[in-house]
C-alpha atoms as a PDB file:
ATOM      1  CA  UNK A   1      -0.103   0.040  -0.134  1.00  0.00           C
ATOM      2  CA  UNK A   2       1.345   3.423  -0.920  1.00  0.00           C
ATOM      3  CA  UNK A   3       2.545   5.586   2.012  1.00  0.00           C
ATOM      4  CA  UNK A   4       4.183   9.033   2.006  1.00  0.00           C
ATOM      5  CA  UNK A   5       4.980  12.190   4.069  1.00  0.00           C
ATOM      6  CA  UNK A   6       3.199  15.442   3.104  1.00  0.00           C
ATOM      7  CA  UNK A   7       2.380  18.835   4.547  1.00  0.00           C
ATOM      8  CA  UNK A   8      -1.266  19.674   5.556  1.00  0.00           C
ATOM      9  CA  UNK A   9      -2.301  22.790   3.512  1.00  0.00           C
ATOM     10  CA  UNK A  10      -5.949  23.103   4.543  1.00  0.00           C
ATOM     11  CA  UNK A  11      -8.443  21.445   6.979  1.00  0.00           C
ATOM     12  CA  UNK A  12     -12.266  21.557   7.031  1.00  0.00           C
ATOM     13  CA  UNK A  13     -12.496  19.465  10.130  1.00  0.00           C
ATOM     14  CA  UNK A  14     -13.259  16.331   8.308  1.00  0.00           C
ATOM     15  CA  UNK A  15     -11.155  16.602   5.233  1.00  0.00           C
ATOM     16  CA  UNK A  16      -7.578  17.442   5.028  1.00  0.00           C
ATOM     17  CA  UNK A  17      -5.646  18.761   1.879  1.00  0.00           C
ATOM     18  CA  UNK A  18      -1.928  17.304   2.076  1.00  0.00           C
ATOM     19  CA  UNK A  19       0.708  18.494  -0.364  1.00  0.00           C
ATOM     20  CA  UNK A  20       3.246  15.884  -1.411  1.00  0.00           C
ATOM     21  CA  UNK A  21       5.594  16.370  -4.304  1.00  0.00           C
ATOM     22  CA  UNK A  22       3.657  19.333  -5.811  1.00  0.00           C
ATOM     23  CA  UNK A  23       0.360  17.297  -5.821  1.00  0.00           C
ATOM     24  CA  UNK A  24      -2.599  17.648  -3.491  1.00  0.00           C
ATOM     25  CA  UNK A  25      -4.425  14.804  -1.872  1.00  0.00           C
ATOM     26  CA  UNK A  26      -7.782  14.882  -0.012  1.00  0.00           C
ATOM     27  CA  UNK A  27      -7.347  12.849   3.079  1.00  0.00           C
ATOM     28  CA  UNK A  28      -9.446  11.610   5.916  1.00  0.00           C
ATOM     29  CA  UNK A  29      -8.094  11.243   9.463  1.00  0.00           C
ATOM     30  CA  UNK A  30      -7.589   7.698  10.796  1.00  0.00           C
ATOM     31  CA  UNK A  31      -9.975   7.399  13.847  1.00  0.00           C
ATOM     32  CA  UNK A  32      -7.380   6.243  16.399  1.00  0.00           C
ATOM     33  CA  UNK A  33      -5.612   9.615  15.929  1.00  0.00           C
ATOM     34  CA  UNK A  34      -8.480  11.304  17.785  1.00  0.00           C
ATOM     35  CA  UNK A  35      -7.868   8.898  20.806  1.00  0.00           C
ATOM     36  CA  UNK A  36      -4.392  10.029  21.749  1.00  0.00           C
ATOM     37  CA  UNK A  37      -5.613  12.160  24.723  1.00  0.00           C
ATOM     38  CA  UNK A  38      -4.841  15.678  22.881  1.00  0.00           C
ATOM     39  CA  UNK A  39      -7.315  17.982  24.684  1.00  0.00           C
ATOM     40  CA  UNK A  40      -7.766  19.800  21.166  1.00  0.00           C
ATOM     41  CA  UNK A  41     -10.801  20.392  18.831  1.00  0.00           C
ATOM     42  CA  UNK A  42      -8.468  19.455  16.000  1.00  0.00           C
ATOM     43  CA  UNK A  43      -5.758  16.746  16.303  1.00  0.00           C
ATOM     44  CA  UNK A  44      -4.413  17.509  12.824  1.00  0.00           C
ATOM     45  CA  UNK A  45      -3.658  20.983  11.827  1.00  0.00           C
ATOM     46  CA  UNK A  46      -2.317  23.161   8.973  1.00  0.00           C
ATOM     47  CA  UNK A  47       1.578  22.940   8.861  1.00  0.00           C
ATOM     48  CA  UNK A  48       1.617  19.428  10.228  1.00  0.00           C
ATOM     49  CA  UNK A  49       3.867  16.942   8.474  1.00  0.00           C
ATOM     50  CA  UNK A  50       1.763  13.862   8.242  1.00  0.00           C
ATOM     51  CA  UNK A  51       2.109  10.283   7.154  1.00  0.00           C
ATOM     52  CA  UNK A  52      -0.544   9.311   4.322  1.00  0.00           C
ATOM     53  CA  UNK A  53      -1.626   5.894   3.396  1.00  0.00           C
ATOM     54  CA  UNK A  54      -3.809   4.724   0.721  1.00  0.00           C
ATOM     55  CA  UNK A  55      -6.945   2.877   1.986  1.00  0.00           C
ATOM     56  CA  UNK A  56      -8.750  -0.307   0.529  1.00  0.00           C
ATOM     57  CA  UNK A  57     -11.147   1.865  -1.429  1.00  0.00           C
ATOM     58  CA  UNK A  58      -8.352   3.890  -3.118  1.00  0.00           C
ATOM     59  CA  UNK A  59      -8.724   6.914  -0.948  1.00  0.00           C
ATOM     60  CA  UNK A  60      -6.101   8.531   1.285  1.00  0.00           C
ATOM     61  CA  UNK A  61      -5.914   8.353   4.979  1.00  0.00           C
ATOM     62  CA  UNK A  62      -3.630  10.209   7.578  1.00  0.00           C
ATOM     63  CA  UNK A  63      -2.091   7.624   9.825  1.00  0.00           C
ATOM     64  CA  UNK A  64       0.349   9.533  11.909  1.00  0.00           C
ATOM     65  CA  UNK A  65       1.600  13.133  12.746  1.00  0.00           C
ATOM     66  CA  UNK A  66       5.220  13.856  12.720  1.00  0.00           C
ATOM     67  CA  UNK A  67       6.759  15.612  15.771  1.00  0.00           C
ATOM     68  CA  UNK A  68       5.886  19.348  15.619  1.00  0.00           C
ATOM     69  CA  UNK A  69       8.882  21.986  15.954  1.00  0.00           C
ATOM     70  CA  UNK A  70       6.266  24.408  17.532  1.00  0.00           C
ATOM     71  CA  UNK A  71       2.707  25.452  17.195  1.00  0.00           C
ATOM     72  CA  UNK A  72       0.175  28.316  18.054  1.00  0.00           C
ATOM     73  CA  UNK A  73      -2.738  27.447  20.444  1.00  0.00           C
ATOM     74  CA  UNK A  74      -5.712  29.207  21.898  1.00  0.00           C
ATOM     75  CA  UNK A  75      -8.467  28.371  24.243  1.00  0.00           C
ATOM     76  CA  UNK A  76     -11.338  26.989  22.028  1.00  0.00           C
ATOM     77  CA  UNK A  77     -14.075  29.091  23.426  1.00  0.00           C
ATOM     78  CA  UNK A  78     -14.875  30.829  26.668  1.00  0.00           C
ATOM     79  CA  UNK A  79     -14.655  28.826  29.790  1.00  0.00           C
ATOM     80  CA  UNK A  80     -13.532  25.900  27.706  1.00  0.00           C
ATOM     81  CA  UNK A  81     -10.848  23.436  28.780  1.00  0.00           C
ATOM     82  CA  UNK A  82     -10.351  22.349  25.179  1.00  0.00           C
ATOM     83  CA  UNK A  83      -7.684  23.912  23.078  1.00  0.00           C
ATOM     84  CA  UNK A  84      -7.663  24.788  19.452  1.00  0.00           C
ATOM     85  CA  UNK A  85      -4.383  24.623  17.516  1.00  0.00           C
ATOM     86  CA  UNK A  86      -4.208  27.211  14.819  1.00  0.00           C
ATOM     87  CA  UNK A  87      -1.101  25.902  12.930  1.00  0.00           C
ATOM     88  CA  UNK A  88       2.183  23.930  13.421  1.00  0.00           C
ATOM     89  CA  UNK A  89       5.805  24.185  12.226  1.00  0.00           C
ATOM     90  CA  UNK A  90       5.881  27.889  11.861  1.00  0.00           C
ATOM     91  CA  UNK A  91       9.059  30.055  11.397  1.00  0.00           C
ATOM     92  CA  UNK A  92       7.460  33.303  12.259  1.00  0.00           C
ATOM     93  CA  UNK A  93       4.233  35.218  12.814  1.00  0.00           C
ATOM     94  CA  UNK A  94       2.940  38.522  11.378  1.00  0.00           C
ATOM     95  CA  UNK A  95       0.367  40.178  13.517  1.00  0.00           C
ATOM     96  CA  UNK A  96      -1.609  42.761  11.511  1.00  0.00           C
ATOM     97  CA  UNK A  97      -2.860  45.511  13.738  1.00  0.00           C
ATOM     98  CA  UNK A  98      -4.731  48.904  13.160  1.00  0.00           C
ATOM     99  CA  UNK A  99      -5.023  51.816  15.489  1.00  0.00           C
ATOM    100  CA  UNK A 100      -8.406  52.826  14.412  1.00  0.00           C
ATOM    101  CA  UNK A 101     -11.017  51.899  11.749  1.00  0.00           C
ATOM    102  CA  UNK A 102     -11.030  49.319  13.440  1.00  0.00           C
ATOM    103  CA  UNK A 103      -8.964  49.622  16.641  1.00  0.00           C
ATOM    104  CA  UNK A 104      -7.095  46.374  17.542  1.00  0.00           C
ATOM    105  CA  UNK A 105      -7.637  45.809  21.281  1.00  0.00           C
ATOM    106  CA  UNK A 106      -4.406  45.916  23.231  1.00  0.00           C
ATOM    107  CA  UNK A 107      -5.380  42.881  25.040  1.00  0.00           C
ATOM    108  CA  UNK A 108      -5.735  40.744  21.761  1.00  0.00           C
ATOM    109  CA  UNK A 109      -2.243  42.062  20.735  1.00  0.00           C
ATOM    110  CA  UNK A 110      -0.687  41.120  23.991  1.00  0.00           C
ATOM    111  CA  UNK A 111      -2.375  37.759  24.380  1.00  0.00           C
ATOM    112  CA  UNK A 112      -1.250  36.776  20.825  1.00  0.00           C
ATOM    113  CA  UNK A 113       2.390  37.969  21.608  1.00  0.00           C
ATOM    114  CA  UNK A 114       2.452  36.064  24.963  1.00  0.00           C
ATOM    115  CA  UNK A 115       1.418  32.750  22.975  1.00  0.00           C
ATOM    116  CA  UNK A 116       4.148  33.265  20.444  1.00  0.00           C
ATOM    117  CA  UNK A 117       6.772  33.730  23.142  1.00  0.00           C
ATOM    118  CA  UNK A 118       5.510  30.595  24.959  1.00  0.00           C
ATOM    119  CA  UNK A 119       5.814  28.466  21.870  1.00  0.00           C
ATOM    120  CA  UNK A 120       9.063  30.175  20.533  1.00  0.00           C
ATOM    121  CA  UNK A 121       7.581  31.797  17.339  1.00  0.00           C
ATOM    122  CA  UNK A 122       9.153  35.086  16.544  1.00  0.00           C
ATOM    123  CA  UNK A 123       6.701  37.939  15.815  1.00  0.00           C
ATOM    124  CA  UNK A 124       6.733  41.122  13.448  1.00  0.00           C
ATOM    125  CA  UNK A 125       3.972  43.541  13.944  1.00  0.00           C
ATOM    126  CA  UNK A 126       2.394  45.016  10.985  1.00  0.00           C
ATOM    127  CA  UNK A 127       0.909  48.393  11.650  1.00  0.00           C
ATOM    128  CA  UNK A 128      -1.525  48.445   8.739  1.00  0.00           C
ATOM    129  CA  UNK A 129      -3.433  51.487   7.068  1.00  0.00           C
ATOM    130  CA  UNK A 130      -0.330  53.651   7.755  1.00  0.00           C
ATOM    131  CA  UNK A 131      -1.642  56.390   5.278  1.00  0.00           C
ATOM    132  CA  UNK A 132      -4.701  56.832   7.720  1.00  0.00           C
ATOM    133  CA  UNK A 133      -2.440  56.426  10.909  1.00  0.00           C
ATOM    134  CA  UNK A 134      -0.427  59.329   9.935  1.00  0.00           C
ATOM    135  CA  UNK A 135      -3.408  61.490  10.873  1.00  0.00           C
ATOM    136  CA  UNK A 136      -2.704  60.624  14.323  1.00  0.00           C
ATOM    137  CA  UNK A 137       1.112  60.687  14.720  1.00  0.00           C
ATOM    138  CA  UNK A 138       1.120  60.747  18.497  1.00  0.00           C
ATOM    139  CA  UNK A 139      -0.805  57.492  18.747  1.00  0.00           C
ATOM    140  CA  UNK A 140       1.531  55.897  16.233  1.00  0.00           C
ATOM    141  CA  UNK A 141       4.634  57.216  18.195  1.00  0.00           C
ATOM    142  CA  UNK A 142       3.128  55.770  21.560  1.00  0.00           C
ATOM    143  CA  UNK A 143       2.476  52.488  19.717  1.00  0.00           C
ATOM    144  CA  UNK A 144       6.079  52.119  18.485  1.00  0.00           C
ATOM    145  CA  UNK A 145       7.408  52.946  22.003  1.00  0.00           C
ATOM    146  CA  UNK A 146       5.317  50.335  23.815  1.00  0.00           C
ATOM    147  CA  UNK A 147       6.173  47.423  21.500  1.00  0.00           C
ATOM    148  CA  UNK A 148       9.627  48.201  20.337  1.00  0.00           C
ATOM    149  CA  UNK A 149      10.686  48.660  23.915  1.00  0.00           C
ATOM    150  CA  UNK A 150       9.295  45.255  24.454  1.00  0.00           C
ATOM    151  CA  UNK A 151      11.497  43.909  21.712  1.00  0.00           C
ATOM    152  CA  UNK A 152       9.018  43.574  18.741  1.00  0.00           C
ATOM    153  CA  UNK A 153       9.918  44.863  15.257  1.00  0.00           C
ATOM    154  CA  UNK A 154       7.140  47.057  13.815  1.00  0.00           C
ATOM    155  CA  UNK A 155       6.602  47.682  10.084  1.00  0.00           C
ATOM    156  CA  UNK A 156       4.227  50.398   9.015  1.00  0.00           C
ATOM    157  CA  UNK A 157       2.283  49.151   5.804  1.00  0.00           C
ATOM    158  CA  UNK A 158      -0.127  50.738   3.498  1.00  0.00           C
ATOM    159  CA  UNK A 159      -1.435  48.438   0.897  1.00  0.00           C
ATOM    160  CA  UNK A 160      -2.978  51.246  -1.033  1.00  0.00           C
ATOM    161  CA  UNK A 161       0.247  53.197  -1.217  1.00  0.00           C
ATOM    162  CA  UNK A 162       2.600  50.181  -1.475  1.00  0.00           C
ATOM    163  CA  UNK A 163       4.490  51.212   1.725  1.00  0.00           C
ATOM    164  CA  UNK A 164       6.059  48.450   3.471  1.00  0.00           C
ATOM    165  CA  UNK A 165       5.015  45.849   0.986  1.00  0.00           C
ATOM    166  CA  UNK A 166       8.609  45.045  -0.168  1.00  0.00           C
ATOM    167  CA  UNK A 167       9.746  44.691   3.362  1.00  0.00           C
ATOM    168  CA  UNK A 168       6.847  42.309   4.229  1.00  0.00           C
ATOM    169  CA  UNK A 169       7.620  40.272   0.890  1.00  0.00           C
ATOM    170  CA  UNK A 170      11.350  40.081   1.884  1.00  0.00           C
ATOM    171  CA  UNK A 171      10.409  38.854   5.345  1.00  0.00           C
ATOM    172  CA  UNK A 172       8.021  36.108   3.864  1.00  0.00           C
ATOM    173  CA  UNK A 173      10.672  34.643   1.340  1.00  0.00           C
ATOM    174  CA  UNK A 174      11.479  31.072   2.099  1.00  0.00           C
ATOM    175  CA  UNK A 175       9.662  30.901   5.502  1.00  0.00           C
ATOM    176  CA  UNK A 176       6.452  29.477   6.812  1.00  0.00           C
ATOM    177  CA  UNK A 177       4.638  32.509   8.245  1.00  0.00           C
ATOM    178  CA  UNK A 178       1.473  32.596  10.241  1.00  0.00           C
ATOM    179  CA  UNK A 179      -0.750  35.675   9.431  1.00  0.00           C
ATOM    180  CA  UNK A 180      -3.109  36.786  11.966  1.00  0.00           C
ATOM    181  CA  UNK A 181      -5.232  39.785  12.916  1.00  0.00           C
ATOM    182  CA  UNK A 182      -8.926  40.765  13.546  1.00  0.00           C
ATOM    183  CA  UNK A 183     -11.166  41.092  10.603  1.00  0.00           C
ATOM    184  CA  UNK A 184     -11.369  44.566   9.074  1.00  0.00           C
ATOM    185  CA  UNK A 185      -7.496  45.276   9.448  1.00  0.00           C
ATOM    186  CA  UNK A 186      -6.858  44.794   5.839  1.00  0.00           C
ATOM    187  CA  UNK A 187      -5.144  41.413   5.855  1.00  0.00           C
ATOM    188  CA  UNK A 188      -6.491  40.243   2.591  1.00  0.00           C
ATOM    189  CA  UNK A 189      -5.614  43.653   0.821  1.00  0.00           C
ATOM    190  CA  UNK A 190      -2.029  43.478   2.285  1.00  0.00           C
ATOM    191  CA  UNK A 191      -1.570  39.775   1.010  1.00  0.00           C
ATOM    192  CA  UNK A 192      -2.845  40.652  -2.395  1.00  0.00           C
ATOM    193  CA  UNK A 193      -0.405  43.538  -2.621  1.00  0.00           C
ATOM    194  CA  UNK A 194       2.585  41.281  -1.388  1.00  0.00           C
ATOM    195  CA  UNK A 195       1.469  38.329  -3.585  1.00  0.00           C
ATOM    196  CA  UNK A 196      -0.493  39.511  -6.576  1.00  0.00           C
ATOM    197  CA  UNK A 197      -3.007  36.939  -7.719  1.00  0.00           C
ATOM    198  CA  UNK A 198      -3.448  35.421  -4.238  1.00  0.00           C
ATOM    199  CA  UNK A 199      -6.908  36.182  -2.840  1.00  0.00           C
ATOM    200  CA  UNK A 200      -7.390  34.942   0.676  1.00  0.00           C
ATOM    201  CA  UNK A 201     -10.866  36.372   1.064  1.00  0.00           C
ATOM    202  CA  UNK A 202     -12.301  33.324  -0.927  1.00  0.00           C
ATOM    203  CA  UNK A 203     -10.967  31.321   1.927  1.00  0.00           C
ATOM    204  CA  UNK A 204     -12.513  33.591   4.506  1.00  0.00           C
ATOM    205  CA  UNK A 205     -15.906  33.722   2.773  1.00  0.00           C
ATOM    206  CA  UNK A 206     -16.189  29.846   2.433  1.00  0.00           C
ATOM    207  CA  UNK A 207     -16.017  29.851   6.197  1.00  0.00           C
ATOM    208  CA  UNK A 208     -18.926  32.232   6.542  1.00  0.00           C
ATOM    209  CA  UNK A 209     -21.373  29.162   7.420  1.00  0.00           C
ATOM    210  CA  UNK A 210     -19.408  28.523  10.495  1.00  0.00           C
ATOM    211  CA  UNK A 211     -20.044  32.047  12.020  1.00  0.00           C
ATOM    212  CA  UNK A 212     -20.271  31.786  15.857  1.00  0.00           C
ATOM    213  CA  UNK A 213     -18.484  28.553  16.362  1.00  0.00           C
ATOM    214  CA  UNK A 214     -15.090  29.290  17.577  1.00  0.00           C
ATOM    215  CA  UNK A 215     -13.998  25.711  17.132  1.00  0.00           C
ATOM    216  CA  UNK A 216     -14.283  25.759  13.483  1.00  0.00           C
ATOM    217  CA  UNK A 217     -12.056  28.501  12.542  1.00  0.00           C
ATOM    218  CA  UNK A 218      -9.855  26.955   9.865  1.00  0.00           C
ATOM    219  CA  UNK A 219      -6.442  27.986   8.752  1.00  0.00           C
ATOM    220  CA  UNK A 220      -5.229  27.703   5.182  1.00  0.00           C
ATOM    221  CA  UNK A 221      -1.642  27.564   3.915  1.00  0.00           C
ATOM    222  CA  UNK A 222      -0.653  29.208   0.495  1.00  0.00           C
ATOM    223  CA  UNK A 223       2.603  28.701  -1.331  1.00  0.00           C
ATOM    224  CA  UNK A 224       4.315  31.958  -2.369  1.00  0.00           C
ATOM    225  CA  UNK A 225       5.874  32.613  -5.705  1.00  0.00           C
ATOM    226  CA  UNK A 226       9.219  33.632  -4.269  1.00  0.00           C
ATOM    227  CA  UNK A 227       9.390  30.605  -1.942  1.00  0.00           C
ATOM    228  CA  UNK A 228       7.917  29.833   1.333  1.00  0.00           C
ATOM    229  CA  UNK A 229       4.167  29.736   2.614  1.00  0.00           C
ATOM    230  CA  UNK A 230       1.672  32.086   4.270  1.00  0.00           C
ATOM    231  CA  UNK A 231      -0.853  30.675   6.708  1.00  0.00           C
ATOM    232  CA  UNK A 232      -3.993  32.663   6.837  1.00  0.00           C
ATOM    233  CA  UNK A 233      -6.000  32.462  10.161  1.00  0.00           C
ATOM    234  CA  UNK A 234      -9.553  33.943   9.329  1.00  0.00           C
ATOM    235  CA  UNK A 235     -12.020  35.105  11.844  1.00  0.00           C
ATOM    236  CA  UNK A 236     -10.077  35.117  15.190  1.00  0.00           C
ATOM    237  CA  UNK A 237     -11.857  37.497  17.442  1.00  0.00           C
ATOM    238  CA  UNK A 238     -10.479  36.544  20.693  1.00  0.00           C
ATOM    239  CA  UNK A 239      -7.351  34.780  22.073  1.00  0.00           C
ATOM    240  CA  UNK A 240      -7.859  32.806  25.033  1.00  0.00           C
ATOM    241  CA  UNK A 241      -4.489  31.456  26.583  1.00  0.00           C
ATOM    242  CA  UNK A 242      -4.166  27.861  27.779  1.00  0.00           C
ATOM    243  CA  UNK A 243      -1.408  25.683  29.329  1.00  0.00           C
ATOM    244  CA  UNK A 244       0.444  28.728  30.627  1.00  0.00           C
ATOM    245  CA  UNK A 245       1.316  28.554  34.429  1.00  0.00           C
ATOM    246  CA  UNK A 246       0.614  31.576  36.560  1.00  0.00           C
ATOM    247  CA  UNK A 247       4.278  31.633  37.708  1.00  0.00           C
ATOM    248  CA  UNK A 248       5.654  31.571  34.085  1.00  0.00           C
ATOM    249  CA  UNK A 249       3.419  34.323  32.583  1.00  0.00           C
ATOM    250  CA  UNK A 250       5.970  37.155  33.156  1.00  0.00           C
ATOM    251  CA  UNK A 251       8.565  35.271  31.331  1.00  0.00           C
ATOM    252  CA  UNK A 252       6.521  35.745  28.196  1.00  0.00           C
ATOM    253  CA  UNK A 253       6.470  39.618  28.553  1.00  0.00           C
ATOM    254  CA  UNK A 254      10.033  40.189  27.405  1.00  0.00           C
ATOM    255  CA  UNK A 255      10.364  43.755  28.924  1.00  0.00           C
ATOM    256  CA  UNK A 256       9.155  42.311  32.363  1.00  0.00           C
ATOM    257  CA  UNK A 257      11.734  39.435  31.965  1.00  0.00           C
ATOM    258  CA  UNK A 258      14.516  41.634  32.229  1.00  0.00           C
ATOM    259  CA  UNK A 259      13.512  42.854  35.729  1.00  0.00           C
ATOM    260  CA  UNK A 260      12.699  39.557  37.365  1.00  0.00           C
ATOM    261  CA  UNK A 261      16.082  38.922  38.906  1.00  0.00           C
ATOM    262  CA  UNK A 262      15.827  42.185  40.695  1.00  0.00           C
ATOM    263  CA  UNK A 263      12.515  41.206  42.607  1.00  0.00           C
ATOM    264  CA  UNK A 264      13.064  40.659  46.275  1.00  0.00           C
ATOM    265  CA  UNK A 265      10.959  37.364  46.302  1.00  0.00           C
ATOM    266  CA  UNK A 266      11.860  34.526  43.875  1.00  0.00           C
ATOM    267  CA  UNK A 267       8.269  33.690  43.513  1.00  0.00           C
ATOM    268  CA  UNK A 268       7.034  37.188  43.079  1.00  0.00           C
ATOM    269  CA  UNK A 269       3.858  37.460  41.254  1.00  0.00           C
ATOM    270  CA  UNK A 270       4.404  41.123  40.217  1.00  0.00           C
ATOM    271  CA  UNK A 271       1.005  42.128  41.908  1.00  0.00           C
ATOM    272  CA  UNK A 272       1.312  43.056  45.565  1.00  0.00           C
ATOM    273  CA  UNK A 273       4.881  42.059  46.886  1.00  0.00           C
ATOM    274  CA  UNK A 274       7.157  44.661  48.463  1.00  0.00           C
ATOM    275  CA  UNK A 275      10.220  45.667  46.220  1.00  0.00           C
ATOM    276  CA  UNK A 276       8.848  44.098  43.157  1.00  0.00           C
ATOM    277  CA  UNK A 277      11.179  45.268  40.306  1.00  0.00           C
ATOM    278  CA  UNK A 278       8.566  44.949  37.633  1.00  0.00           C
ATOM    279  CA  UNK A 279       5.872  47.219  39.456  1.00  0.00           C
ATOM    280  CA  UNK A 280       8.718  49.668  40.099  1.00  0.00           C
ATOM    281  CA  UNK A 281       9.709  49.714  36.396  1.00  0.00           C
ATOM    282  CA  UNK A 282       5.974  50.229  35.489  1.00  0.00           C
ATOM    283  CA  UNK A 283       5.790  53.193  37.896  1.00  0.00           C
ATOM    284  CA  UNK A 284       8.865  54.687  36.354  1.00  0.00           C
ATOM    285  CA  UNK A 285       7.323  54.208  32.854  1.00  0.00           C
ATOM    286  CA  UNK A 286       9.897  51.784  31.822  1.00  0.00           C
ATOM    287  CA  UNK A 287       7.356  49.081  31.166  1.00  0.00           C
ATOM    288  CA  UNK A 288       4.145  50.418  29.526  1.00  0.00           C
ATOM    289  CA  UNK A 289       1.200  50.408  31.786  1.00  0.00           C
ATOM    290  CA  UNK A 290      -1.050  48.913  29.136  1.00  0.00           C
ATOM    291  CA  UNK A 291       1.233  45.817  28.906  1.00  0.00           C
ATOM    292  CA  UNK A 292       1.194  45.437  32.646  1.00  0.00           C
ATOM    293  CA  UNK A 293      -2.593  45.656  32.699  1.00  0.00           C
ATOM    294  CA  UNK A 294      -2.682  42.885  30.011  1.00  0.00           C
ATOM    295  CA  UNK A 295      -0.657  40.804  32.348  1.00  0.00           C
ATOM    296  CA  UNK A 296      -2.967  41.394  35.320  1.00  0.00           C
ATOM    297  CA  UNK A 297      -6.043  40.631  33.272  1.00  0.00           C
ATOM    298  CA  UNK A 298      -4.506  37.329  31.983  1.00  0.00           C
ATOM    299  CA  UNK A 299      -3.612  36.380  35.652  1.00  0.00           C
ATOM    300  CA  UNK A 300      -7.296  37.023  36.555  1.00  0.00           C
ATOM    301  CA  UNK A 301      -8.591  35.003  33.588  1.00  0.00           C
ATOM    302  CA  UNK A 302      -6.382  32.066  34.443  1.00  0.00           C
ATOM    303  CA  UNK A 303      -7.803  32.120  38.056  1.00  0.00           C
ATOM    304  CA  UNK A 304     -11.314  31.682  36.630  1.00  0.00           C
ATOM    305  CA  UNK A 305     -10.250  28.568  34.509  1.00  0.00           C
ATOM    306  CA  UNK A 306      -8.522  26.938  37.487  1.00  0.00           C
ATOM    307  CA  UNK A 307     -11.653  27.020  39.732  1.00  0.00           C
END
């Protein structure tokens, strides 16, 4: 029976499109893969390297998943203990944000960044609609200050004016990149500018029947003409964190991490303890208050899930 390794390009929950030697195969998943104790709504994800076998009827079945280098995961839905893995084996992530029309919530940005830190995926922030953002230069400057101080590169992009497009194209070349952002931030317009001819909106529209079901947000991987792949993640509104311990959380805020050795108590929670170097840095303005606020909200949310 024929057997080969391929990469999962697309998933619809019951069928998986697997790429092998330039050819696509429509595969089902072998039942036992679902029984391995993975608390996930989706055991096989886009970016996975999988073993495919031909079945007795001449169809194709995914029989095994190769070990993952990394992955991006979130809580499947509110107050759920299940996780939803967005994609696996990623070289980097691009987070598309806008300061207005619509405004990307700081909390969403920070949760996404924490997850990438936890799973060792480097992130670049794309500040989209740069032509509009220039009307509010103070907000743009403040945004740069907060996230560049935390250690994240920011590229200002305007798909309409072509600004930043070549920089993004250069970043994508030869890598497998996860592209994320709320709807309305101009992801599809940006991708069409970077890779003319690729329309990720068709992928987004086809998922419209699944509105309201957080667990059926499917990612799709597209090959790029200059080498590499882009993984689009449509429709992610929230980003619930999972499997991050309370005492580890500060390690995933790089600007806080720098101050941890200076705290008086080794198990400092950075909330109420005396001589906490993190709180003192926030008071001095060396750590942005919005980032510290996100840290506190995540701690509070985690307490709810543990009860």
